[in-house]
N, C-alpha and C. Protein backbone atom coordinates (compact mmCIF):
# COMPACT_ATOMS: atom_id res chain seq x y z
N MET A 1 114.56 107.99 108.35
CA MET A 1 114.68 106.99 107.20
C MET A 1 114.20 107.59 106.01
N PRO A 2 114.51 106.94 105.12
CA PRO A 2 114.51 108.11 103.24
C PRO A 2 112.89 107.68 103.19
N THR A 3 112.61 108.95 102.51
CA THR A 3 111.23 108.60 101.51
C THR A 3 111.35 108.82 100.42
N ALA A 4 110.34 108.13 99.61
CA ALA A 4 110.66 108.24 98.35
C ALA A 4 109.54 108.25 97.44
N THR A 5 109.25 109.02 96.20
CA THR A 5 108.14 109.05 95.44
C THR A 5 108.35 108.43 94.30
N ILE A 6 107.34 107.37 93.44
CA ILE A 6 106.85 106.78 92.43
C ILE A 6 106.22 108.20 91.78
N LEU A 7 106.31 108.89 90.76
CA LEU A 7 105.57 109.61 90.12
C LEU A 7 105.13 109.37 88.45
N LEU A 8 103.96 108.81 88.18
CA LEU A 8 103.39 108.13 87.24
C LEU A 8 103.29 109.43 86.32
N ALA A 9 104.15 109.51 85.48
CA ALA A 9 103.97 110.04 84.21
C ALA A 9 104.25 109.98 82.59
N ALA A 10 103.67 108.37 82.31
CA ALA A 10 103.99 107.54 81.31
C ALA A 10 103.00 107.45 80.36
N GLY A 11 101.72 107.75 80.84
CA GLY A 11 100.43 107.53 80.05
C GLY A 11 100.56 108.35 78.59
N GLU A 12 99.63 107.95 77.96
CA GLU A 12 99.39 108.71 76.26
C GLU A 12 98.19 109.74 76.55
N SER A 13 97.79 110.08 77.51
CA SER A 13 97.04 111.55 77.69
C SER A 13 95.99 111.47 76.84
N THR A 14 95.40 110.12 76.25
CA THR A 14 94.29 110.46 74.93
C THR A 14 93.27 110.71 75.10
N ARG A 15 92.45 110.88 76.52
CA ARG A 15 91.10 112.05 76.60
C ARG A 15 91.78 113.13 76.74
N MET A 16 92.79 113.50 77.05
CA MET A 16 93.54 115.20 77.18
C MET A 16 93.99 115.55 75.59
N GLY A 17 94.11 114.84 75.02
CA GLY A 17 94.52 115.06 73.79
C GLY A 17 95.73 116.01 73.49
N ARG A 18 96.45 115.94 74.28
CA ARG A 18 98.24 116.60 74.61
C ARG A 18 98.99 115.93 75.66
N PRO A 19 100.22 115.89 76.02
CA PRO A 19 100.74 115.19 76.92
C PRO A 19 100.48 115.91 78.42
N LYS A 20 99.87 115.29 79.31
CA LYS A 20 99.49 116.06 80.40
C LYS A 20 100.35 116.49 81.29
N PRO A 21 101.48 115.84 81.52
CA PRO A 21 103.15 116.23 82.07
C PRO A 21 103.39 117.87 81.52
N LEU A 22 102.91 118.11 80.48
CA LEU A 22 103.09 119.31 80.19
C LEU A 22 102.18 120.80 80.10
N LEU A 23 100.77 120.47 80.83
CA LEU A 23 100.38 121.14 81.02
C LEU A 23 100.28 122.57 81.58
N ASP A 24 99.84 123.49 81.45
CA ASP A 24 100.30 124.59 82.62
C ASP A 24 99.85 124.68 83.93
N TRP A 25 100.25 124.78 85.15
CA TRP A 25 99.96 124.29 86.17
C TRP A 25 100.34 125.88 87.30
N GLY A 26 100.12 127.08 87.20
CA GLY A 26 100.45 127.85 87.74
C GLY A 26 101.61 128.65 87.66
N GLY A 27 101.85 128.66 85.97
CA GLY A 27 102.69 129.11 85.43
C GLY A 27 103.85 128.36 85.51
N ALA A 28 103.79 126.86 85.80
CA ALA A 28 105.48 125.96 85.75
C ALA A 28 104.44 124.61 84.87
N THR A 29 105.11 123.94 84.48
CA THR A 29 104.43 122.54 83.69
C THR A 29 103.92 121.82 84.97
N LEU A 30 103.00 121.35 84.69
CA LEU A 30 102.60 120.37 85.94
C LEU A 30 103.38 119.13 86.08
N ILE A 31 104.98 118.67 85.42
CA ILE A 31 105.68 117.71 85.65
C ILE A 31 106.19 118.33 86.76
N ASP A 32 106.42 120.16 86.14
CA ASP A 32 107.57 120.59 86.89
C ASP A 32 106.77 120.80 88.63
N TYR A 33 105.98 121.53 88.71
CA TYR A 33 105.25 121.12 89.74
C TYR A 33 104.73 120.34 90.61
N GLN A 34 104.79 119.10 90.17
CA GLN A 34 104.71 117.95 90.96
C GLN A 34 106.07 117.61 91.83
N VAL A 35 106.78 117.72 90.76
CA VAL A 35 108.21 117.24 91.28
C VAL A 35 108.80 118.26 92.41
N ARG A 36 108.55 119.80 92.39
CA ARG A 36 109.15 120.82 93.45
C ARG A 36 108.38 120.34 94.50
N GLU A 37 107.07 120.19 94.57
CA GLU A 37 105.96 120.32 95.76
C GLU A 37 106.75 119.15 96.29
N LEU A 38 106.97 118.03 95.80
CA LEU A 38 107.07 117.02 96.35
C LEU A 38 108.52 116.78 97.32
N LEU A 39 109.73 117.47 96.56
CA LEU A 39 110.78 118.06 97.23
C LEU A 39 110.83 118.77 98.58
N ALA A 40 109.33 119.77 98.27
CA ALA A 40 109.54 121.11 99.24
C ALA A 40 108.73 120.20 100.64
N ALA A 41 108.23 119.06 100.21
CA ALA A 41 107.65 118.31 100.85
C ALA A 41 108.29 117.63 102.01
N GLY A 42 110.14 117.36 101.46
CA GLY A 42 110.77 116.80 102.16
C GLY A 42 110.88 115.25 101.40
N VAL A 43 110.20 114.66 100.86
CA VAL A 43 110.87 113.77 100.08
C VAL A 43 112.20 113.31 99.75
N ASP A 44 112.67 112.40 100.35
CA ASP A 44 114.12 112.53 99.83
C ASP A 44 114.58 111.84 98.29
N ASP A 45 113.81 111.06 97.24
CA ASP A 45 114.23 110.71 96.24
C ASP A 45 112.77 110.54 95.77
N VAL A 46 112.45 111.27 94.43
CA VAL A 46 111.20 111.12 93.46
C VAL A 46 111.75 110.82 91.75
N VAL A 47 111.52 109.50 92.16
CA VAL A 47 111.37 108.90 90.57
C VAL A 47 110.21 109.06 89.45
N VAL A 48 110.51 109.97 88.81
CA VAL A 48 109.27 109.98 87.14
C VAL A 48 109.45 108.68 86.34
N VAL A 49 108.61 108.16 86.37
CA VAL A 49 108.37 107.27 85.55
C VAL A 49 107.84 107.76 83.85
N LEU A 50 108.43 108.03 83.01
CA LEU A 50 108.22 108.55 81.94
C LEU A 50 107.72 107.32 80.68
N GLY A 51 107.20 107.54 79.65
CA GLY A 51 107.04 106.72 78.72
C GLY A 51 106.56 107.51 77.07
N HIS A 52 105.08 107.68 77.16
CA HIS A 52 104.77 108.36 75.88
C HIS A 52 105.30 109.72 76.22
N ALA A 53 105.69 110.18 74.97
CA ALA A 53 106.26 111.59 75.03
C ALA A 53 107.45 111.74 75.87
N ALA A 54 108.29 110.54 75.82
CA ALA A 54 109.31 110.79 76.79
C ALA A 54 110.37 112.10 76.53
N ALA A 55 110.58 112.04 75.13
CA ALA A 55 111.62 113.14 74.84
C ALA A 55 111.50 114.69 75.09
N GLU A 56 110.02 114.60 74.92
CA GLU A 56 109.36 116.04 74.97
C GLU A 56 109.21 116.31 76.00
N VAL A 57 108.97 115.35 77.05
CA VAL A 57 108.79 115.61 78.55
C VAL A 57 110.00 115.69 79.46
N ARG A 58 111.07 115.09 79.65
CA ARG A 58 112.31 114.90 79.79
C ARG A 58 112.89 115.97 80.29
N PRO A 59 112.75 117.16 79.38
CA PRO A 59 113.63 118.26 79.62
C PRO A 59 112.92 119.69 80.74
N HIS A 60 111.51 118.81 81.11
CA HIS A 60 110.97 119.52 82.01
C HIS A 60 110.87 119.26 83.88
N VAL A 61 111.52 117.86 83.56
CA VAL A 61 111.71 117.52 84.99
C VAL A 61 112.78 117.92 85.39
N PRO A 62 112.59 118.78 86.73
CA PRO A 62 113.71 119.20 87.76
C PRO A 62 114.92 118.17 87.62
N PRO A 63 115.95 118.50 87.45
CA PRO A 63 117.19 117.80 87.92
C PRO A 63 117.25 117.16 89.15
N GLU A 64 116.95 117.27 90.21
CA GLU A 64 116.56 117.12 91.55
C GLU A 64 115.95 115.48 91.36
N ALA A 65 115.29 115.15 90.65
CA ALA A 65 114.54 113.86 90.37
C ALA A 65 115.22 113.02 89.31
N ARG A 66 115.13 111.90 89.72
CA ARG A 66 115.16 110.86 89.11
C ARG A 66 114.27 110.41 88.20
N VAL A 67 115.13 110.14 86.41
CA VAL A 67 113.96 109.86 85.29
C VAL A 67 114.12 107.92 85.13
N VAL A 68 112.97 107.68 85.08
CA VAL A 68 113.07 106.19 84.94
C VAL A 68 111.86 106.03 83.24
N ILE A 69 112.39 105.53 82.23
CA ILE A 69 111.43 105.52 81.24
C ILE A 69 111.40 104.16 81.06
N ASN A 70 109.79 104.16 80.83
CA ASN A 70 109.01 102.65 80.80
C ASN A 70 108.87 102.68 79.49
N GLN A 71 109.41 101.74 79.03
CA GLN A 71 109.25 101.32 77.07
C GLN A 71 107.79 100.64 77.10
N ALA A 72 107.07 100.03 78.06
CA ALA A 72 106.24 98.68 78.01
C ALA A 72 104.71 99.96 78.80
N TYR A 73 104.88 101.31 78.78
CA TYR A 73 103.72 101.75 79.35
C TYR A 73 102.07 101.70 78.29
N ARG A 74 102.59 101.64 77.14
CA ARG A 74 101.17 100.65 76.62
C ARG A 74 100.37 99.66 77.23
N GLU A 75 101.03 99.00 77.92
CA GLU A 75 101.01 97.73 78.89
C GLU A 75 99.57 98.15 79.82
N GLY A 76 99.98 99.36 80.44
CA GLY A 76 98.97 100.15 81.43
C GLY A 76 99.67 100.88 82.57
N ARG A 77 99.25 100.93 83.49
CA ARG A 77 99.69 101.93 84.90
C ARG A 77 100.67 100.84 85.47
N ALA A 78 100.08 100.02 85.63
CA ALA A 78 101.02 98.63 86.58
C ALA A 78 102.23 98.33 86.11
N SER A 79 102.79 99.01 84.98
CA SER A 79 104.00 98.74 84.02
C SER A 79 104.88 100.25 84.69
N SER A 80 104.22 100.57 84.70
CA SER A 80 104.76 102.20 85.18
C SER A 80 105.37 101.98 86.78
N LEU A 81 104.26 101.55 87.45
CA LEU A 81 104.68 101.47 88.80
C LEU A 81 105.85 100.16 89.36
N ARG A 82 105.42 99.49 88.10
CA ARG A 82 106.86 98.59 88.42
C ARG A 82 108.17 99.10 88.27
N ALA A 83 108.37 99.92 87.11
CA ALA A 83 109.51 100.59 86.59
C ALA A 83 109.77 101.40 87.65
N GLY A 84 108.95 101.88 88.26
CA GLY A 84 109.32 103.24 89.32
C GLY A 84 109.80 102.14 90.69
N ALA A 85 109.17 101.60 90.73
CA ALA A 85 109.25 100.24 92.24
C ALA A 85 110.71 99.96 92.26
N ALA A 86 111.09 99.58 90.55
CA ALA A 86 112.30 98.77 90.68
C ALA A 86 113.39 99.81 90.76
N ALA A 87 113.39 101.07 90.51
CA ALA A 87 114.62 101.83 90.74
C ALA A 87 114.72 102.55 92.10
N LEU A 88 113.79 102.20 92.52
CA LEU A 88 113.94 102.25 94.46
C LEU A 88 114.41 101.34 95.17
N ALA A 89 115.88 101.61 96.32
CA ALA A 89 116.57 101.07 97.26
C ALA A 89 115.54 100.62 98.01
N ASP A 90 115.90 99.64 98.44
CA ASP A 90 115.43 98.41 99.30
C ASP A 90 115.45 98.82 100.87
N GLY A 91 116.32 100.10 100.94
CA GLY A 91 116.47 100.46 102.38
C GLY A 91 115.28 101.71 102.83
N VAL A 92 114.32 101.83 101.74
CA VAL A 92 113.19 103.23 101.90
C VAL A 92 112.21 102.62 102.76
N ASP A 93 112.09 104.00 103.45
CA ASP A 93 111.19 103.65 104.62
C ASP A 93 109.46 103.77 104.13
N THR A 94 109.80 105.14 103.36
CA THR A 94 108.20 105.28 102.64
C THR A 94 107.96 105.45 101.64
N VAL A 95 106.98 104.62 100.74
CA VAL A 95 106.59 104.82 99.55
C VAL A 95 105.48 105.65 99.02
N VAL A 96 105.43 106.87 98.31
CA VAL A 96 104.02 107.28 98.00
C VAL A 96 104.31 107.67 96.83
N VAL A 97 102.82 107.21 95.88
CA VAL A 97 102.61 106.78 94.79
C VAL A 97 101.29 107.86 94.42
N LEU A 98 102.19 108.68 93.23
CA LEU A 98 100.98 109.67 92.71
C LEU A 98 101.60 109.62 90.93
N SER A 99 99.60 110.19 90.68
CA SER A 99 100.00 110.14 89.06
C SER A 99 100.19 111.60 88.86
N VAL A 100 100.86 112.08 87.52
CA VAL A 100 101.30 113.38 87.29
C VAL A 100 100.12 114.18 87.20
N ASP A 101 98.80 113.46 86.73
CA ASP A 101 97.56 114.49 86.65
C ASP A 101 97.00 114.79 88.34
N GLN A 102 97.28 114.68 89.10
CA GLN A 102 96.80 114.69 90.54
C GLN A 102 97.54 115.52 91.35
N PRO A 103 97.77 116.95 90.53
CA PRO A 103 98.80 117.87 91.08
C PRO A 103 98.38 118.39 92.94
N ARG A 104 99.26 117.98 93.85
CA ARG A 104 99.33 118.49 95.26
C ARG A 104 100.02 119.50 95.46
N PRO A 105 99.78 120.10 96.60
CA PRO A 105 100.71 121.23 97.12
C PRO A 105 101.29 120.43 98.04
N ALA A 106 102.51 121.26 98.54
CA ALA A 106 103.68 120.47 99.40
C ALA A 106 102.88 120.18 100.91
N ALA A 107 101.91 120.86 101.15
CA ALA A 107 101.54 120.92 102.28
C ALA A 107 100.31 119.64 102.70
N VAL A 108 99.90 119.15 101.48
CA VAL A 108 99.22 117.98 101.30
C VAL A 108 100.25 116.56 101.74
N HIS A 109 101.15 116.74 100.65
CA HIS A 109 102.32 115.60 101.20
C HIS A 109 102.77 115.63 102.35
N ARG A 110 103.35 116.32 103.08
CA ARG A 110 103.77 117.13 104.21
C ARG A 110 102.69 116.31 105.14
N ALA A 111 101.42 116.42 105.23
CA ALA A 111 100.34 116.25 106.15
C ALA A 111 100.27 114.15 105.97
N LEU A 112 100.43 113.99 104.73
CA LEU A 112 100.46 112.65 104.67
C LEU A 112 101.38 111.78 104.88
N LEU A 113 102.99 112.11 104.95
CA LEU A 113 103.91 111.65 105.34
C LEU A 113 103.68 111.38 107.38
N ALA A 114 103.45 112.82 107.33
CA ALA A 114 103.40 112.71 108.96
C ALA A 114 101.91 111.95 109.18
N ALA A 115 100.88 111.97 108.37
CA ALA A 115 100.11 110.89 109.13
C ALA A 115 100.26 109.03 109.09
N HIS A 116 101.08 109.09 108.24
CA HIS A 116 101.90 107.75 107.74
C HIS A 116 103.04 107.70 108.78
N ARG A 117 103.46 108.56 109.45
CA ARG A 117 104.86 108.23 110.30
C ARG A 117 104.53 108.00 111.81
N GLU A 118 102.99 108.65 111.98
CA GLU A 118 102.45 108.87 113.21
C GLU A 118 101.34 107.54 113.77
N GLY A 119 101.14 106.75 112.18
CA GLY A 119 99.70 105.83 112.27
C GLY A 119 100.27 104.54 112.75
N HIS A 120 101.64 104.21 111.92
CA HIS A 120 102.19 102.95 112.18
C HIS A 120 101.51 101.81 110.93
N ALA A 121 100.56 102.49 110.08
CA ALA A 121 99.66 101.74 109.38
C ALA A 121 100.77 101.13 108.20
N LEU A 122 100.82 100.06 107.45
CA LEU A 122 101.31 100.11 106.16
C LEU A 122 101.22 100.37 104.62
N ILE A 123 99.96 100.75 105.02
CA ILE A 123 98.84 101.96 104.49
C ILE A 123 98.27 103.21 104.68
N THR A 124 98.76 104.23 104.28
CA THR A 124 97.76 105.23 104.42
C THR A 124 97.38 105.89 103.20
N ILE A 125 95.97 106.52 103.28
CA ILE A 125 95.07 106.98 102.21
C ILE A 125 94.37 107.85 102.65
N PRO A 126 94.56 108.81 102.06
CA PRO A 126 93.96 110.26 102.42
C PRO A 126 92.32 110.10 101.78
N THR A 127 91.33 111.02 102.69
CA THR A 127 90.12 110.71 102.01
C THR A 127 89.56 112.22 102.08
N TYR A 128 88.32 112.79 101.35
CA TYR A 128 87.90 114.21 101.62
C TYR A 128 86.28 113.23 101.40
N GLN A 129 85.28 113.81 103.16
CA GLN A 129 84.16 113.57 102.80
C GLN A 129 83.74 111.93 102.42
N GLY A 130 84.74 111.09 102.92
CA GLY A 130 84.59 109.97 102.76
C GLY A 130 84.84 109.22 101.61
N ARG A 131 85.40 110.06 100.98
CA ARG A 131 85.57 109.66 99.38
C ARG A 131 87.55 109.12 99.67
N ARG A 132 88.07 108.28 98.89
CA ARG A 132 89.29 107.76 99.19
C ARG A 132 89.97 108.94 97.96
N GLY A 133 91.23 109.51 98.27
CA GLY A 133 91.86 110.28 97.17
C GLY A 133 93.30 109.49 97.09
N HIS A 134 94.33 110.41 97.01
CA HIS A 134 96.10 110.59 96.26
C HIS A 134 96.19 111.62 96.64
N PRO A 135 97.48 111.50 97.25
CA PRO A 135 98.77 110.13 96.79
C PRO A 135 98.63 109.45 98.20
N ILE A 136 98.91 107.80 97.66
CA ILE A 136 98.90 106.99 98.60
C ILE A 136 100.28 106.77 99.24
N ALA A 137 100.70 106.46 100.64
CA ALA A 137 101.73 106.15 101.35
C ALA A 137 101.58 104.69 101.50
N LEU A 138 102.76 104.33 100.87
CA LEU A 138 103.12 102.53 101.47
C LEU A 138 104.14 102.68 102.64
N ALA A 139 104.78 101.45 103.24
CA ALA A 139 105.62 101.21 103.94
C ALA A 139 106.60 100.91 103.07
N GLY A 140 108.08 100.63 102.98
CA GLY A 140 109.06 100.35 102.30
C GLY A 140 108.80 98.81 102.31
N SER A 141 108.54 98.15 102.76
CA SER A 141 108.26 96.92 103.13
C SER A 141 107.50 96.26 102.19
N LEU A 142 106.51 96.92 101.42
CA LEU A 142 105.70 96.75 100.19
C LEU A 142 107.02 96.70 99.01
N LEU A 143 107.59 96.87 99.37
CA LEU A 143 108.32 97.45 97.71
C LEU A 143 108.19 96.23 97.05
N PRO A 144 108.62 94.52 97.47
CA PRO A 144 108.68 93.70 96.28
C PRO A 144 107.15 93.45 95.76
N GLU A 145 105.96 93.88 96.26
CA GLU A 145 104.67 93.51 95.73
C GLU A 145 104.74 95.02 94.82
N LEU A 146 105.01 95.96 94.99
CA LEU A 146 104.98 97.13 93.77
C LEU A 146 106.06 96.45 92.87
N ARG A 147 107.31 96.02 92.71
CA ARG A 147 107.60 95.49 91.90
C ARG A 147 107.08 94.70 90.75
N GLU A 148 106.06 93.92 91.79
CA GLU A 148 105.22 92.60 90.66
C GLU A 148 104.04 93.13 90.27
N ALA A 149 103.52 94.75 90.66
CA ALA A 149 101.87 94.80 90.29
C ALA A 149 101.99 94.29 88.58
N THR A 150 100.72 94.04 88.51
CA THR A 150 100.04 93.94 87.27
C THR A 150 98.97 94.34 86.69
N GLU A 151 98.22 94.34 85.83
CA GLU A 151 97.19 95.09 85.29
C GLU A 151 96.05 93.96 85.90
N GLU A 152 96.57 92.87 85.24
CA GLU A 152 95.34 91.62 86.16
C GLU A 152 95.11 91.44 87.60
N ALA A 153 96.27 91.42 88.21
CA ALA A 153 95.98 92.02 89.67
C ALA A 153 95.87 93.23 90.31
N LEU A 154 95.19 94.24 89.08
CA LEU A 154 94.31 95.74 89.87
C LEU A 154 95.63 96.54 90.02
N GLY A 155 96.96 96.22 89.84
CA GLY A 155 98.09 96.98 90.36
C GLY A 155 98.53 97.74 91.54
N LEU A 156 97.83 99.33 91.74
CA LEU A 156 98.22 99.48 92.77
C LEU A 156 96.98 99.20 93.99
N ARG A 157 95.91 99.22 93.23
CA ARG A 157 94.52 99.02 93.91
C ARG A 157 94.58 97.76 94.55
N GLY A 158 95.50 96.52 93.93
CA GLY A 158 95.18 95.64 93.94
C GLY A 158 96.36 95.07 95.22
N VAL A 159 97.41 95.62 95.67
CA VAL A 159 98.49 96.06 96.82
C VAL A 159 97.33 96.26 97.66
N ILE A 160 96.69 97.55 97.80
CA ILE A 160 96.08 98.14 98.57
C ILE A 160 94.85 97.25 99.15
N GLU A 161 94.46 95.79 98.26
CA GLU A 161 93.59 95.47 98.66
C GLU A 161 93.77 94.29 99.20
N ALA A 162 95.28 94.03 99.22
CA ALA A 162 95.76 92.90 99.60
C ALA A 162 96.21 92.97 101.08
N HIS A 163 96.19 94.22 101.52
CA HIS A 163 96.43 94.79 102.86
C HIS A 163 95.10 95.23 103.33
N ALA A 164 94.12 95.20 103.23
CA ALA A 164 93.04 95.95 103.69
C ALA A 164 93.49 96.53 105.06
N ALA A 165 93.04 95.24 105.96
CA ALA A 165 93.17 95.23 107.35
C ALA A 165 94.28 96.36 107.59
N ASP A 166 95.58 96.14 107.12
CA ASP A 166 96.59 97.16 107.24
C ASP A 166 96.21 98.73 106.53
N ALA A 167 95.29 99.21 105.89
CA ALA A 167 95.43 100.21 106.04
C ALA A 167 94.38 101.53 106.66
N ARG A 168 95.14 102.31 106.97
CA ARG A 168 94.59 103.60 107.45
C ARG A 168 94.19 104.57 106.29
N GLU A 169 92.64 105.09 106.64
CA GLU A 169 92.20 106.35 106.01
C GLU A 169 92.48 106.93 106.76
N VAL A 170 92.68 108.70 106.25
CA VAL A 170 93.06 109.88 107.16
C VAL A 170 92.11 110.75 106.49
N ASP A 171 91.20 111.67 107.03
CA ASP A 171 90.31 112.66 106.84
C ASP A 171 91.61 113.61 106.30
N PHE A 172 91.36 114.96 105.38
CA PHE A 172 92.58 115.89 104.90
C PHE A 172 91.46 116.99 105.14
N GLY A 173 90.53 117.12 105.11
CA GLY A 173 89.40 118.14 105.14
C GLY A 173 89.65 119.10 103.54
N THR A 174 90.02 118.82 102.51
CA THR A 174 90.07 119.22 101.31
C THR A 174 90.05 118.36 100.17
N ALA A 175 89.30 118.96 99.55
CA ALA A 175 89.22 118.47 98.44
C ALA A 175 90.08 118.21 97.51
N ALA A 176 91.23 118.88 97.43
CA ALA A 176 92.51 118.70 96.43
C ALA A 176 92.76 117.40 96.67
N VAL A 177 92.51 116.08 97.97
CA VAL A 177 93.33 115.02 97.38
C VAL A 177 92.46 113.89 96.27
N LEU A 178 91.17 114.65 96.03
CA LEU A 178 90.28 113.93 95.12
C LEU A 178 90.54 114.34 93.67
N LEU A 179 91.53 115.21 93.54
CA LEU A 179 91.48 115.82 92.03
C LEU A 179 92.26 115.31 91.33
N ASP A 180 91.65 114.97 90.18
CA ASP A 180 92.41 114.21 89.14
C ASP A 180 91.83 114.67 87.70
N ILE A 181 92.98 115.20 86.76
CA ILE A 181 92.63 115.38 85.66
C ILE A 181 93.03 114.71 84.29
N ASN A 182 92.01 114.30 83.89
CA ASN A 182 91.77 113.30 82.58
C ASN A 182 91.41 114.08 81.38
N THR A 183 90.52 115.37 81.41
CA THR A 183 89.75 115.80 80.26
C THR A 183 90.31 117.29 79.88
N PRO A 184 90.33 118.05 78.58
CA PRO A 184 90.19 119.30 79.18
C PRO A 184 89.33 120.08 80.03
N GLU A 185 87.85 119.48 79.95
CA GLU A 185 86.75 119.65 80.93
C GLU A 185 87.74 119.72 82.49
N ASP A 186 88.02 118.71 82.73
CA ASP A 186 88.79 118.45 84.15
C ASP A 186 89.63 119.65 84.56
N TYR A 187 90.89 119.55 83.35
CA TYR A 187 91.69 120.35 83.71
C TYR A 187 91.18 122.11 83.94
N GLU A 188 90.30 122.35 83.28
CA GLU A 188 89.95 123.64 83.04
C GLU A 188 89.47 124.26 84.57
N ARG A 189 88.55 123.22 84.99
CA ARG A 189 87.77 123.51 86.12
C ARG A 189 88.82 123.21 87.30
N ALA A 190 89.99 122.12 86.93
CA ALA A 190 90.66 122.07 88.41
C ALA A 190 91.76 123.66 88.36
N ARG A 191 92.21 123.78 87.29
CA ARG A 191 92.94 125.32 87.43
C ARG A 191 92.00 126.23 87.64
N ALA A 192 91.24 126.56 87.64
CA ALA A 192 90.27 127.73 88.44
C ALA A 192 90.64 127.31 90.06
N LYS A 193 90.01 126.25 90.09
CA LYS A 193 89.70 126.14 91.63
C LYS A 193 91.05 125.68 92.42
N PHE A 194 91.84 125.17 92.06
CA PHE A 194 93.64 125.14 92.62
C PHE A 194 94.87 125.37 91.87
N ALA A 195 94.55 125.45 91.17
CA ALA A 195 96.12 126.37 90.15
C ALA A 195 96.46 127.25 91.08
N GLY A 196 95.81 128.23 91.43
CA GLY A 196 96.23 129.36 92.07
C GLY A 196 96.84 129.38 93.74
N GLU A 197 96.67 128.11 94.27
CA GLU A 197 96.47 127.68 95.75
C GLU A 197 98.19 127.95 95.47
N PRO A 198 98.66 128.74 97.69
CA PRO A 198 99.61 128.85 97.25
C PRO A 198 100.57 127.61 97.93
N PRO A 199 101.84 127.41 97.09
CA PRO A 199 102.17 125.96 97.02
C PRO A 199 103.05 125.47 98.23
N SER A 200 102.79 126.30 99.62
CA SER A 200 103.40 125.35 100.24
C SER A 200 102.23 124.33 101.26
């Protein structure tokens, strides 16, 4: 069954001070790295949601991915989640949601997809030392709820909380699932620790 990813890359990168999708990550832009690792993991359809600096970022999106422009990106992350979910077909089996500032190697995506299929849960959440991380894998049956996500209802977190009884946590044994780059300091620490990791 087809798998899809909504890669959120529409934010204003206010704390970083420059567009995060264009940061260097192991010799590639962060957006290029993310798409290629997802495809290497076997994801069938990668939808990249752009907004702020879309014209600048779009040339760096690999042609194998689809681009959706969220004109309402200033309304918050939930608006990008809605835009990405609206671009996916109803027949999708699994939807992986990830932000561009959460770089993950293909091995993490492969492990998440395998755990999601084997666990038969509506939602699969990676953890490390008891802390929840990303990306999140959701059953395709939740697409209608992703298409209606709002900031007021807490976006993706609201969908997860609404199905808490059907969410499964899986220990990944790597701090990579917690990586989240928001500031220049975050970026330098993350690049020193993770950007040299092999991509597979």
